[in-house]
Amino acid sequence: PAIKVLHLGGKKVNAAVMEATAKAAFAPTLREIHIGEDVAGSEARILSMLQEMPALESLSVPRGRVSAPMLRTLAAAWRTKRNGGPPLLSKLTLATSWGQFEWELVCCVG
């Protein structure tokens, strides 16, 4: 699968779209994903989708759709999918309506 970067945005990005994205052939090798503030998915739905993307190096997600417990759960899922290997995530961006916060992760998440 050639898709390495994905941008999901708009009110039509709902649970069904996220489920289809998680099942897509490119999901396990996706390197970067940007999730817009206007998507119609819950934190749980976003988590379910992201768990199928263990090769992610860069994640941009709306601040209101992510929590510390979610990130811990995500890191554990990625570690399992990587057969015990650490997650590859090195850049985390939390977007808000008034700006975004970006972190370069110097160590593995989890």
Foldseek 3Di string as FASTA:
>chain_A
DPAAEEEADDQPQELVVLVVLLVDPCQQRHAYYAYDPNYHYALVSNLVSLLSHQNYQEYEEAQRSDDLVSQLVSQVSSCVVVVNDGGNHQKYWHADPVGIDIGGHPDGRD
